[in-house]
Protein backbone atom coordinates (compact mmCIF):
# COMPACT_ATOMS: atom_id res chain seq x y z
CA MET A 1 0.00 0.00 0.00
CA ASN A 2 1.17 3.50 -0.84
CA THR A 3 0.22 6.38 1.44
CA THR A 4 -0.77 8.42 -1.62
CA MET A 5 -3.84 6.17 -1.77
CA ILE A 6 -5.06 7.64 1.51
CA SER A 7 -7.60 10.25 0.47
CA HIS A 8 -10.15 11.33 3.07
CA PRO A 9 -9.38 12.77 6.54
CA LEU A 10 -10.24 9.67 8.57
CA SER A 11 -7.87 7.46 6.59
CA THR A 12 -5.16 10.08 6.90
CA GLU A 13 -5.49 10.23 10.68
CA ILE A 14 -5.60 6.49 11.21
CA ASN A 15 -2.73 5.90 8.80
CA SER A 16 -0.70 8.50 10.71
CA GLU A 17 -1.46 6.78 14.02
CA LEU A 18 -0.50 3.39 12.62
CA ARG A 19 2.85 4.81 11.54
CA ASN A 20 3.30 6.33 15.01
CA ILE A 21 2.63 2.99 16.73
CA LEU A 22 5.10 1.16 14.51
CA SER A 23 7.70 3.88 14.97
CA TYR A 24 7.33 3.73 18.75
CA TRP A 25 8.17 0.04 18.88
CA GLU A 26 10.94 0.38 16.33
CA ILE A 27 12.63 3.12 18.39
CA ASN A 28 11.97 1.96 21.95
CA ALA A 29 11.53 -1.81 22.08
CA ILE A 30 14.54 -3.49 20.45
CA ASP A 31 16.97 -4.94 23.01
CA LYS A 32 20.30 -4.45 21.26
CA ALA A 33 22.29 -5.76 24.22
CA ASN A 34 20.58 -9.11 24.76
CA GLY A 35 18.56 -9.67 21.62
CA GLY A 36 14.88 -9.59 20.86
CA PHE A 37 12.79 -6.96 22.62
CA TYR A 38 12.65 -5.51 26.12
CA GLY A 39 10.18 -7.31 28.35
CA THR A 40 8.96 -4.08 29.94
CA ILE A 41 8.95 -0.39 29.01
CA GLY A 42 7.76 2.12 31.61
CA ALA A 43 5.27 4.93 31.19
CA ASN A 44 8.24 7.27 30.71
CA ASN A 45 9.41 5.18 27.72
CA LYS A 46 12.35 3.91 29.79
CA PRO A 47 13.04 0.21 29.15
CA GLN A 48 13.68 -2.21 31.99
CA PRO A 49 16.63 -4.17 30.57
CA PHE A 50 16.52 -6.95 33.20
CA ALA A 51 12.80 -7.68 32.86
CA ASP A 52 11.68 -11.17 31.84
CA LYS A 53 10.54 -11.61 28.23
CA GLY A 54 7.13 -13.10 27.58
CA VAL A 55 6.11 -15.08 24.53
CA ILE A 56 2.89 -13.11 24.06
CA LEU A 57 4.76 -9.83 23.62
CA ASN A 58 7.24 -11.38 21.20
CA THR A 59 4.73 -13.26 19.03
CA ARG A 60 2.55 -10.16 18.83
CA ILE A 61 5.52 -8.05 17.74
CA LEU A 62 6.28 -10.60 15.02
CA TRP A 63 2.66 -10.55 13.90
CA THR A 64 2.54 -6.73 13.95
CA PHE A 65 5.63 -6.06 11.87
CA SER A 66 4.94 -8.91 9.46
CA THR A 67 1.47 -7.47 8.90
CA ALA A 68 2.88 -3.96 8.57
CA TYR A 69 5.26 -5.21 5.89
CA ASN A 70 2.43 -7.01 4.09
CA PHE A 71 0.38 -3.81 4.25
CA TYR A 72 2.98 -1.21 3.32
CA LYS A 73 5.59 -3.36 1.51
CA GLU A 74 8.36 -1.39 3.20
CA GLU A 75 11.57 -3.25 3.97
CA LYS A 76 12.13 -1.62 7.36
CA TYR A 77 9.12 -3.44 8.77
CA GLU A 78 10.28 -6.80 7.44
CA LYS A 79 13.65 -6.24 9.13
CA ILE A 80 12.02 -5.78 12.54
CA ALA A 81 9.82 -8.81 11.90
CA SER A 82 12.96 -10.81 11.17
CA VAL A 83 14.44 -9.76 14.54
CA ALA A 84 11.30 -11.07 16.24
CA TYR A 85 11.27 -14.26 14.19
CA ASP A 86 14.93 -15.06 14.83
CA TYR A 87 14.54 -14.49 18.56
CA LEU A 88 11.41 -16.64 18.79
CA VAL A 89 13.04 -19.48 16.90
CA GLY A 90 16.32 -19.15 18.76
CA HIS A 91 14.95 -18.86 22.30
CA PHE A 92 11.21 -19.44 22.74
CA ILE A 93 10.80 -22.65 20.73
CA ASP A 94 11.29 -25.81 22.76
CA ARG A 95 13.50 -27.83 20.43
CA LYS A 96 13.15 -30.98 22.52
CA ASN A 97 9.43 -31.14 23.24
CA GLY A 98 7.96 -28.75 20.70
CA GLY A 99 5.85 -25.64 21.15
CA VAL A 100 6.84 -22.32 22.70
CA PHE A 101 7.85 -21.51 26.27
CA TRP A 102 5.81 -19.02 28.28
CA MET A 103 8.63 -16.86 29.72
CA LEU A 104 12.38 -16.23 29.38
CA ASP A 105 14.75 -14.18 31.47
CA TYR A 106 16.32 -11.08 29.96
CA LYS A 107 19.20 -13.15 28.56
CA GLY A 108 16.87 -15.54 26.76
CA ASN A 109 16.95 -18.48 29.16
CA PRO A 110 13.62 -20.23 29.90
CA VAL A 111 12.19 -19.39 33.34
CA ASN A 112 8.62 -20.64 32.78
CA THR A 113 8.41 -23.60 30.42
CA ARG A 114 4.66 -24.30 30.58
CA LYS A 115 2.83 -24.82 27.28
CA GLN A 116 -0.15 -22.49 27.39
CA ILE A 117 -2.39 -23.17 24.37
CA TYR A 118 -3.14 -19.45 24.19
CA ALA A 119 0.58 -18.88 23.52
CA GLN A 120 0.81 -21.70 20.98
CA ALA A 121 -2.05 -20.06 19.09
CA PHE A 122 -0.22 -16.74 18.96
CA ALA A 123 2.87 -18.48 17.66
CA ILE A 124 0.79 -19.90 14.79
CA TYR A 125 -0.75 -16.47 14.15
CA ALA A 126 2.67 -14.78 14.07
CA PHE A 127 4.53 -17.40 12.04
CA THR A 128 1.74 -17.55 9.46
CA GLU A 129 1.77 -13.81 8.93
CA TYR A 130 5.56 -13.88 8.64
CA PHE A 131 5.21 -16.63 6.05
CA HIS A 132 3.00 -14.30 3.99
CA ALA A 133 5.77 -11.69 4.21
CA THR A 134 8.68 -13.98 3.33
CA LYS A 135 7.06 -16.83 1.33
CA ASN A 136 9.55 -19.09 3.14
CA PRO A 137 8.01 -22.61 3.42
CA GLU A 138 10.08 -23.33 6.54
CA VAL A 139 8.15 -20.59 8.34
CA LEU A 140 4.80 -22.09 7.39
CA GLU A 141 6.05 -25.48 8.54
CA LYS A 142 6.59 -24.05 12.03
CA SER A 143 2.93 -22.99 12.13
CA ILE A 144 1.86 -26.44 11.00
CA GLU A 145 4.06 -28.16 13.60
CA ILE A 146 2.46 -26.16 16.41
CA PHE A 147 -1.02 -26.80 14.98
CA GLU A 148 -0.28 -30.55 15.10
CA LEU A 149 0.95 -30.27 18.70
CA ILE A 150 -2.24 -28.50 19.76
CA GLU A 151 -4.31 -31.16 18.05
CA LYS A 152 -2.30 -33.99 19.59
CA HIS A 153 -2.25 -32.75 23.18
CA SER A 154 -5.02 -30.20 23.70
CA PHE A 155 -7.96 -31.21 21.50
CA ASP A 156 -10.81 -32.67 23.54
CA ARG A 157 -12.01 -35.64 21.48
CA VAL A 158 -15.01 -36.22 23.75
CA ASN A 159 -16.50 -32.76 24.22
CA GLY A 160 -14.77 -30.70 21.54
CA GLY A 161 -12.66 -27.63 22.09
CA TYR A 162 -9.23 -27.30 23.68
CA ILE A 163 -7.77 -27.81 27.14
CA GLU A 164 -5.95 -24.75 28.45
CA ALA A 165 -2.38 -25.62 29.40
CA PHE A 166 0.29 -28.26 29.79
CA SER A 167 3.72 -28.75 31.29
CA GLU A 168 6.98 -28.44 29.39
CA LYS A 169 6.66 -32.10 28.31
CA TRP A 170 2.92 -31.75 27.54
CA GLY A 171 1.74 -33.33 30.77
CA LEU A 172 -1.42 -32.27 32.61
CA LEU A 173 -1.23 -29.35 35.05
CA GLU A 174 -3.21 -28.52 38.18
CA ASP A 175 -3.01 -24.77 37.57
CA LEU A 176 -4.22 -23.96 34.05
CA ARG A 177 -4.59 -20.19 34.38
CA LEU A 178 -3.21 -17.54 32.05
CA SER A 179 -2.92 -15.16 34.99
CA GLU A 180 -3.81 -14.96 38.67
CA LYS A 181 -7.09 -13.16 37.98
CA GLU A 182 -8.35 -16.03 35.78
CA GLU A 183 -10.54 -18.92 36.88
CA ASN A 184 -8.65 -22.23 37.08
CA VAL A 185 -10.75 -24.19 34.56
CA GLU A 186 -10.17 -26.59 31.69
CA LYS A 187 -11.53 -24.30 28.96
CA THR A 188 -11.80 -20.57 28.43
CA MET A 189 -13.39 -18.29 25.90
CA ASN A 190 -10.13 -16.37 25.55
CA THR A 191 -8.03 -19.32 24.46
CA HIS A 192 -10.71 -20.53 22.04
CA LEU A 193 -11.01 -17.06 20.54
CA HIS A 194 -7.31 -16.91 19.77
CA VAL A 195 -7.12 -20.49 18.52
CA LEU A 196 -9.96 -19.48 16.17
CA GLU A 197 -8.00 -16.42 15.10
CA ALA A 198 -4.82 -18.44 14.53
CA TYR A 199 -6.53 -21.26 12.65
CA THR A 200 -8.31 -18.72 10.43
CA SER A 201 -4.97 -17.19 9.49
CA LEU A 202 -3.35 -20.59 8.95
CA TYR A 203 -6.20 -21.79 6.73
CA ARG A 204 -5.60 -18.89 4.37
CA ALA A 205 -2.10 -20.26 3.80
CA TRP A 206 -2.73 -24.00 4.16
CA LYS A 207 -5.98 -25.50 2.88
CA ASN A 208 -5.86 -28.63 5.03
CA ASP A 209 -9.01 -30.72 5.59
CA THR A 210 -8.34 -31.36 9.29
CA LEU A 211 -7.68 -27.67 9.87
CA ARG A 212 -10.93 -26.79 8.10
CA SER A 213 -12.89 -29.24 10.24
CA ARG A 214 -11.38 -27.76 13.41
CA LEU A 215 -12.23 -24.24 12.27
CA ILE A 216 -15.84 -25.31 11.74
CA MET A 217 -15.80 -26.93 15.19
CA LEU A 218 -14.47 -23.74 16.78
CA ILE A 219 -17.26 -21.69 15.22
CA ASP A 220 -19.73 -24.25 16.58
CA ASN A 221 -18.06 -24.05 20.01
CA PHE A 222 -18.89 -20.35 20.04
CA ARG A 223 -22.42 -20.83 18.76
CA ASN A 224 -23.28 -23.72 21.08
CA HIS A 225 -21.29 -23.04 24.22
CA ILE A 226 -19.48 -19.70 24.45
CA VAL A 227 -22.04 -17.16 23.19
CA ASN A 228 -24.76 -16.92 25.81
CA SER A 229 -28.04 -17.76 24.05
CA LYS A 230 -30.01 -15.25 26.14
CA SER A 231 -27.74 -12.21 26.42
CA TYR A 232 -25.37 -12.76 23.44
CA HIS A 233 -22.45 -11.82 25.66
CA LEU A 234 -19.63 -14.35 25.82
CA ASP A 235 -19.39 -16.69 28.78
CA LEU A 236 -15.75 -16.75 29.82
CA PHE A 237 -14.83 -19.87 31.82
CA PHE A 238 -15.90 -23.50 31.48
CA ASP A 239 -15.15 -26.97 32.78
CA ALA A 240 -14.26 -29.77 30.35
CA ASN A 241 -17.97 -30.43 29.70
CA TRP A 242 -18.64 -26.78 28.80
CA TYR A 243 -20.43 -26.03 32.06
CA VAL A 244 -20.17 -22.28 32.70
CA ARG A 245 -17.94 -21.37 35.65
CA SER A 246 -18.17 -17.56 35.74
CA GLN A 247 -20.58 -14.67 35.87
CA LEU A 248 -18.47 -11.98 34.23
CA ILE A 249 -18.99 -9.92 31.08
CA SER A 250 -15.94 -8.70 29.17
CA TYR A 251 -17.11 -6.05 26.70
CA GLY A 252 -13.78 -6.02 24.85
CA HIS A 253 -13.87 -9.75 24.20
CA ASP A 254 -17.49 -9.50 23.09
CA ILE A 255 -16.74 -6.96 20.38
CA GLU A 256 -13.50 -8.68 19.35
CA ALA A 257 -15.29 -12.02 18.92
CA SER A 258 -18.02 -10.39 16.85
CA TRP A 259 -15.65 -9.68 13.99
CA LEU A 260 -13.20 -12.58 14.43
CA LEU A 261 -16.09 -15.05 14.13
CA TYR A 262 -17.21 -13.41 10.92
CA GLU A 263 -13.65 -13.45 9.59
CA ALA A 264 -13.48 -17.21 10.30
CA ALA A 265 -16.75 -17.78 8.46
CA GLU A 266 -15.45 -15.78 5.49
CA VAL A 267 -12.29 -17.84 5.12
CA LEU A 268 -14.39 -21.03 4.95
CA ASP A 269 -16.14 -19.58 1.89
CA ASP A 270 -19.48 -21.15 2.84
CA GLU A 271 -22.40 -18.79 2.18
CA ALA A 272 -24.75 -20.56 4.58
CA VAL A 273 -22.27 -20.34 7.46
CA MET A 274 -21.46 -16.72 6.61
CA GLY A 275 -25.14 -15.79 6.72
CA GLU A 276 -25.65 -17.45 10.10
CA ILE A 277 -22.52 -15.92 11.59
CA ALA A 278 -23.37 -12.47 10.20
CA ALA A 279 -26.61 -12.53 12.17
CA LEU A 280 -24.84 -13.81 15.28
CA SER A 281 -22.08 -11.24 14.89
CA LEU A 282 -24.58 -8.39 15.00
CA LYS A 283 -26.19 -9.79 18.13
CA ILE A 284 -22.80 -10.01 19.84
CA ALA A 285 -21.92 -6.47 18.72
CA ASN A 286 -25.21 -5.20 20.14
CA ALA A 287 -24.48 -6.93 23.44
CA ALA A 288 -20.98 -5.47 23.53
CA SER A 289 -22.41 -2.00 22.86
CA GLU A 290 -24.05 -2.13 26.29
CA GLY A 291 -20.54 -1.36 27.56
CA LEU A 292 -20.17 1.82 25.52
CA ASP A 293 -20.03 4.94 27.68
CA THR A 294 -21.48 8.30 26.67
CA ASP A 295 -17.99 9.48 25.71
CA GLY A 296 -17.64 6.71 23.11
CA GLY A 297 -15.23 4.58 25.14
CA LEU A 298 -15.85 0.90 25.85
CA MET A 299 -15.86 0.02 29.53
CA ASN A 300 -13.97 -3.01 30.82
CA GLU A 301 -16.10 -5.54 32.69
CA LEU A 302 -19.36 -6.18 34.51
CA SER A 303 -19.70 -8.74 37.28
CA LEU A 304 -23.14 -10.30 37.18
CA ASP A 305 -22.64 -11.68 40.69
CA THR A 306 -21.82 -8.41 42.45
CA LYS A 307 -23.24 -6.00 39.84
CA HIS A 308 -19.89 -4.20 39.95
CA LEU A 309 -19.11 -2.29 36.76
CA ASP A 310 -15.45 -1.69 35.99
CA SER A 311 -15.78 1.57 34.06
CA ASP A 312 -12.07 1.91 33.27
CA LYS A 313 -11.30 1.93 29.56
CA HIS A 314 -8.33 -0.25 28.64
CA TRP A 315 -6.46 0.31 25.41
CA TRP A 316 -7.28 -2.99 23.72
CA PRO A 317 -11.10 -2.96 23.96
CA GLN A 318 -11.09 0.46 22.30
CA ALA A 319 -9.07 -0.94 19.40
CA GLU A 320 -11.38 -3.93 19.05
CA ALA A 321 -14.44 -1.69 19.26
CA MET A 322 -13.31 0.22 16.18
CA VAL A 323 -13.10 -2.95 14.11
CA GLY A 324 -16.15 -4.66 15.56
CA LEU A 325 -18.42 -1.66 15.07
CA LEU A 326 -17.19 -1.03 11.54
CA ASN A 327 -17.68 -4.72 10.79
CA ALA A 328 -21.25 -4.47 12.11
CA TYR A 329 -21.86 -1.55 9.76
CA GLN A 330 -20.49 -3.51 6.80
CA ILE A 331 -22.68 -6.51 7.58
CA SER A 332 -25.88 -4.61 8.29
CA ASP A 333 -25.59 -1.34 6.36
CA GLU A 334 -27.08 0.34 9.45
CA LYS A 335 -25.50 3.76 9.95
CA LYS A 336 -25.88 3.60 13.74
CA TYR A 337 -22.89 1.27 13.81
CA PHE A 338 -20.89 3.68 11.70
CA ALA A 339 -21.72 6.49 14.12
CA LEU A 340 -20.60 4.33 17.06
CA PHE A 341 -17.40 3.47 15.21
CA MET A 342 -16.67 7.17 14.71
CA SER A 343 -17.33 7.87 18.40
CA SER A 344 -14.95 5.06 19.30
CA TRP A 345 -12.15 6.50 17.15
CA ASN A 346 -12.72 9.99 18.51
CA PHE A 347 -12.49 8.65 22.08
CA ILE A 348 -9.23 6.88 21.27
CA ASP A 349 -7.80 9.98 19.64
CA LYS A 350 -8.77 12.18 22.57
CA PHE A 351 -8.04 9.97 25.57
CA ILE A 352 -6.15 6.76 24.72
CA ILE A 353 -3.37 7.87 22.37
CA ASP A 354 -0.43 9.42 24.21
CA HIS A 355 0.17 12.23 21.74
CA GLU A 356 3.14 13.51 23.73
CA ASN A 357 5.16 10.35 24.40
CA GLY A 358 3.82 7.91 21.82
CA GLU A 359 1.86 4.64 21.89
CA TRP A 360 -1.41 4.23 23.80
CA PHE A 361 -2.06 4.51 27.52
CA TRP A 362 -2.74 1.15 29.15
CA ARG A 363 -6.08 2.45 30.48
CA VAL A 364 -7.92 5.58 31.55
CA ASP A 365 -10.49 6.08 34.27
CA LYS A 366 -14.13 7.16 33.96
CA ASN A 367 -12.97 10.75 33.46
CA GLY A 368 -10.39 9.93 30.82
CA ILE A 369 -7.41 10.32 33.17
CA PRO A 370 -4.63 7.82 32.36
CA TYR A 371 -3.13 5.53 34.98
CA ASP A 372 0.62 5.63 35.53
CA GLU A 373 1.34 2.30 33.86
CA GLY A 374 3.89 1.04 31.39
CA LYS A 375 3.80 1.23 27.61
CA ALA A 376 5.05 -2.32 27.04
CA GLY A 377 4.92 -5.52 29.02
CA PHE A 378 3.86 -9.13 28.91
CA TRP A 379 0.34 -8.14 27.80
CA LYS A 380 0.90 -4.59 26.54
CA CYS A 381 1.84 -5.09 22.91
CA PRO A 382 1.35 -3.35 19.54
CA TYR A 383 -1.01 -6.01 18.22
CA HIS A 384 -4.50 -4.74 19.13
CA ASN A 385 -3.97 -1.12 18.13
CA SER A 386 -1.92 -1.74 14.98
CA ARG A 387 -4.35 -4.42 13.85
CA ALA A 388 -7.29 -2.10 14.41
CA CYS A 389 -5.69 0.63 12.32
CA ILE A 390 -4.88 -1.77 9.48
CA GLU A 391 -8.33 -3.38 9.56
CA VAL A 392 -10.04 0.01 9.49
CA LEU A 393 -7.88 1.26 6.61
CA ARG A 394 -8.62 -1.88 4.62
CA ARG A 395 -12.34 -1.74 5.33
CA ILE A 396 -12.77 1.96 4.61
CA LYS A 397 -11.61 1.35 1.05
CA MET A 398 -14.47 -1.14 0.59
CA ILE A 399 -17.21 1.15 1.88
CA ASP A 400 -19.17 3.24 -0.60
CA MET A 401 -20.40 6.14 1.52
CA PRO A 402 -19.76 9.37 -0.38
CA GLY A 403 -19.39 12.18 2.10
CA GLU A 404 -20.24 10.09 5.16
CA PHE A 405 -16.70 9.99 6.51
CA GLU A 406 -16.43 13.74 6.24
CA LYS A 407 -19.90 14.35 7.72
CA GLY A 408 -19.27 12.06 10.66
CA PHE A 409 -15.64 12.91 11.10
CA ARG A 410 -15.97 15.09 14.15
CA PRO A 411 -19.42 14.72 15.71
């Protein structure tokens, strides 16, 4: 893509922000002393050189710069992607048992060797996008190898879906959680969402029958188990038999799933499935919109048990809201979704983007005041916001709304 193709003001702004995000990580994140990328960067843009390095940050950086290269076709982005790829292959991949480790120390030595399926999915997602950038079959083979490991160890042949986590040697664990705030259960919405995302990407590159059948199964997992049939919010935690183990609504995951499910249906190229998922996608987007505040920001969570509403606005749900709401507009042709999309972008521009120091604030409070939190860490990565910008730029080009972008540009 050439920036001269960017014509109207919205595209210009979002393209500029995408460039800013990429530039931030290019300038601040590369660990030239120890290789790869810093595990943590503070709110003041100061890296913590002795911080541990997590696989989620590194796979998401590989995905981001591979996608940026595929979008812009500029060599500088491929070079950063290659740094991420080389470090992942050289340090995170378990050459003995397969899969990727969860955490390394700052020198690249494994300190947490568990095999979280969530992480394996992000490795597939990242390697597949890098394959599209390089056309190197060895890169695609790494995605396929991890797919086969997931299918061998994690796939539940009785109830469908995927078990959360395993030991270094793919043995069962007592503690399956991604983080301390998670429920310790066999299956989660979050892992299934990102396995869906990864398998969708892999299927674009590798038209394998088993992969296709698993992608269909994952869509059915969402339809039959994960999407609540009454509220159309996502249930988050489950036992092995898909019995719901939580009473929590995550508005960001709702809106993210609304468009990732539709993307999965599209790649299958089945009109019947696409029609069914389009209708479901809109219902999920409507449910997610219950979390939209009057300022256009998407609030974090609602506990159905305690009725506590976490009204903080984290960076990643805002990014996913942009894509999910624009996707809802494209599916339905209802301009209310376009208006909500515009409000979401305006909120991000006003409150979430750190226009002074770069990147996005981790979160802001009800009044739009940012918390003093870091710009990079195990979970704070360039994937949600860069992906949102790229998705929006791609989708805007497909929308025939003469004058609408200009009319709705600053409500």
